[in-house]
Amino acid sequence: MRQLNWQKSSFSGEEANCVEIASADELVHIRESDDPTHVVTTTRPTLRAWIRAAKAGDFDHFAV
């Protein structure tokens, strides 16, 4: 895998752990900043669908 340019959310403070994202070609890579060794890789359309579903509340029943 080539070197990825990881981007951190602008909502995250200097000391806060957050989700980081990088893209390469058609793939999107997602990791948590406090454990960068675990990376989830998906496609742009799949990530887009997941974000839409999360915004629509489709996963709210999983919240405790």
C-alpha atoms as a PDB file:
ATOM      1  CA  MET A   1       0.000   0.000   0.000  1.00  0.00           C
ATOM      2  CA  ARG A   2       1.299   3.423  -0.864  1.00  0.00           C
ATOM      3  CA  GLN A   3       1.804   6.147   1.737  1.00  0.00           C
ATOM      4  CA  LEU A   4      -1.560   7.595   2.756  1.00  0.00           C
ATOM      5  CA  ASN A   5      -2.271  11.199   3.670  1.00  0.00           C
ATOM      6  CA  TRP A   6      -4.362  10.847   6.838  1.00  0.00           C
ATOM      7  CA  GLN A   7      -6.729  13.698   7.690  1.00  0.00           C
ATOM      8  CA  LYS A   8      -8.107  14.407  11.134  1.00  0.00           C
ATOM      9  CA  SER A   9     -11.473  16.018  11.762  1.00  0.00           C
ATOM     10  CA  SER A  10     -11.445  19.773  12.318  1.00  0.00           C
ATOM     11  CA  PHE A  11     -13.798  19.128  15.253  1.00  0.00           C
ATOM     12  CA  SER A  12     -11.057  17.238  17.069  1.00  0.00           C
ATOM     13  CA  GLY A  13      -8.856  19.058  19.540  1.00  0.00           C
ATOM     14  CA  GLU A  14      -5.107  18.673  19.865  1.00  0.00           C
ATOM     15  CA  GLU A  15      -5.347  16.041  22.615  1.00  0.00           C
ATOM     16  CA  ALA A  16      -8.555  14.312  21.573  1.00  0.00           C
ATOM     17  CA  ASN A  17      -8.553  10.950  19.875  1.00  0.00           C
ATOM     18  CA  CYS A  18     -10.620  10.875  16.744  1.00  0.00           C
ATOM     19  CA  VAL A  19     -11.298   9.104  13.515  1.00  0.00           C
ATOM     20  CA  GLU A  20      -8.884   9.787  10.671  1.00  0.00           C
ATOM     21  CA  ILE A  21      -9.603   9.227   7.000  1.00  0.00           C
ATOM     22  CA  ALA A  22      -7.471   8.815   3.888  1.00  0.00           C
ATOM     23  CA  SER A  23      -8.368   8.014   0.318  1.00  0.00           C
ATOM     24  CA  ALA A  24      -6.436   6.371  -2.450  1.00  0.00           C
ATOM     25  CA  ASP A  25      -7.922   5.614  -5.840  1.00  0.00           C
ATOM     26  CA  GLU A  26     -11.450   4.295  -5.261  1.00  0.00           C
ATOM     27  CA  LEU A  27     -10.803   3.183  -1.687  1.00  0.00           C
ATOM     28  CA  VAL A  28     -11.352   5.011   1.581  1.00  0.00           C
ATOM     29  CA  HIS A  29      -9.324   4.068   4.662  1.00  0.00           C
ATOM     30  CA  ILE A  30     -10.555   4.841   8.174  1.00  0.00           C
ATOM     31  CA  ARG A  31      -8.713   4.490  11.477  1.00  0.00           C
ATOM     32  CA  GLU A  32      -8.880   5.730  15.049  1.00  0.00           C
ATOM     33  CA  SER A  33      -6.008   8.032  15.908  1.00  0.00           C
ATOM     34  CA  ASP A  34      -5.206   6.326  19.223  1.00  0.00           C
ATOM     35  CA  ASP A  35      -4.857   2.921  17.491  1.00  0.00           C
ATOM     36  CA  PRO A  36      -3.614   3.577  13.945  1.00  0.00           C
ATOM     37  CA  THR A  37      -2.675  -0.066  13.311  1.00  0.00           C
ATOM     38  CA  HIS A  38      -6.309  -1.068  12.740  1.00  0.00           C
ATOM     39  CA  VAL A  39      -7.594   0.281   9.442  1.00  0.00           C
ATOM     40  CA  VAL A  40     -11.020  -0.268   7.894  1.00  0.00           C
ATOM     41  CA  THR A  41     -11.049  -0.052   4.112  1.00  0.00           C
ATOM     42  CA  THR A  42     -14.178   0.458   2.054  1.00  0.00           C
ATOM     43  CA  THR A  43     -15.327   2.000  -1.192  1.00  0.00           C
ATOM     44  CA  ARG A  44     -16.651   5.540  -1.598  1.00  0.00           C
ATOM     45  CA  PRO A  45     -20.204   4.409  -2.490  1.00  0.00           C
ATOM     46  CA  THR A  46     -20.374   2.083   0.513  1.00  0.00           C
ATOM     47  CA  LEU A  47     -19.122   4.764   2.900  1.00  0.00           C
ATOM     48  CA  ARG A  48     -21.565   7.266   1.406  1.00  0.00           C
ATOM     49  CA  ALA A  49     -24.468   4.832   1.956  1.00  0.00           C
ATOM     50  CA  TRP A  50     -23.362   4.140   5.540  1.00  0.00           C
ATOM     51  CA  ILE A  51     -23.168   7.881   6.345  1.00  0.00           C
ATOM     52  CA  ARG A  52     -26.632   8.468   4.868  1.00  0.00           C
ATOM     53  CA  ALA A  53     -28.050   5.605   6.917  1.00  0.00           C
ATOM     54  CA  ALA A  54     -26.400   6.885  10.107  1.00  0.00           C
ATOM     55  CA  LYS A  55     -27.800  10.384   9.519  1.00  0.00           C
ATOM     56  CA  ALA A  56     -31.249   8.893   8.921  1.00  0.00           C
ATOM     57  CA  GLY A  57     -31.105   7.090  12.281  1.00  0.00           C
ATOM     58  CA  ASP A  58     -31.006   3.595  10.829  1.00  0.00           C
ATOM     59  CA  PHE A  59     -28.536   2.467  13.504  1.00  0.00           C
ATOM     60  CA  ASP A  60     -30.122   4.213  16.496  1.00  0.00           C
ATOM     61  CA  HIS A  61     -31.566   0.959  17.812  1.00  0.00           C
ATOM     62  CA  PHE A  62     -27.988  -0.205  18.531  1.00  0.00           C
ATOM     63  CA  ALA A  63     -27.415   2.677  20.995  1.00  0.00           C
ATOM     64  CA  VAL A  64     -27.670   1.762  24.637  1.00  0.00           C
END
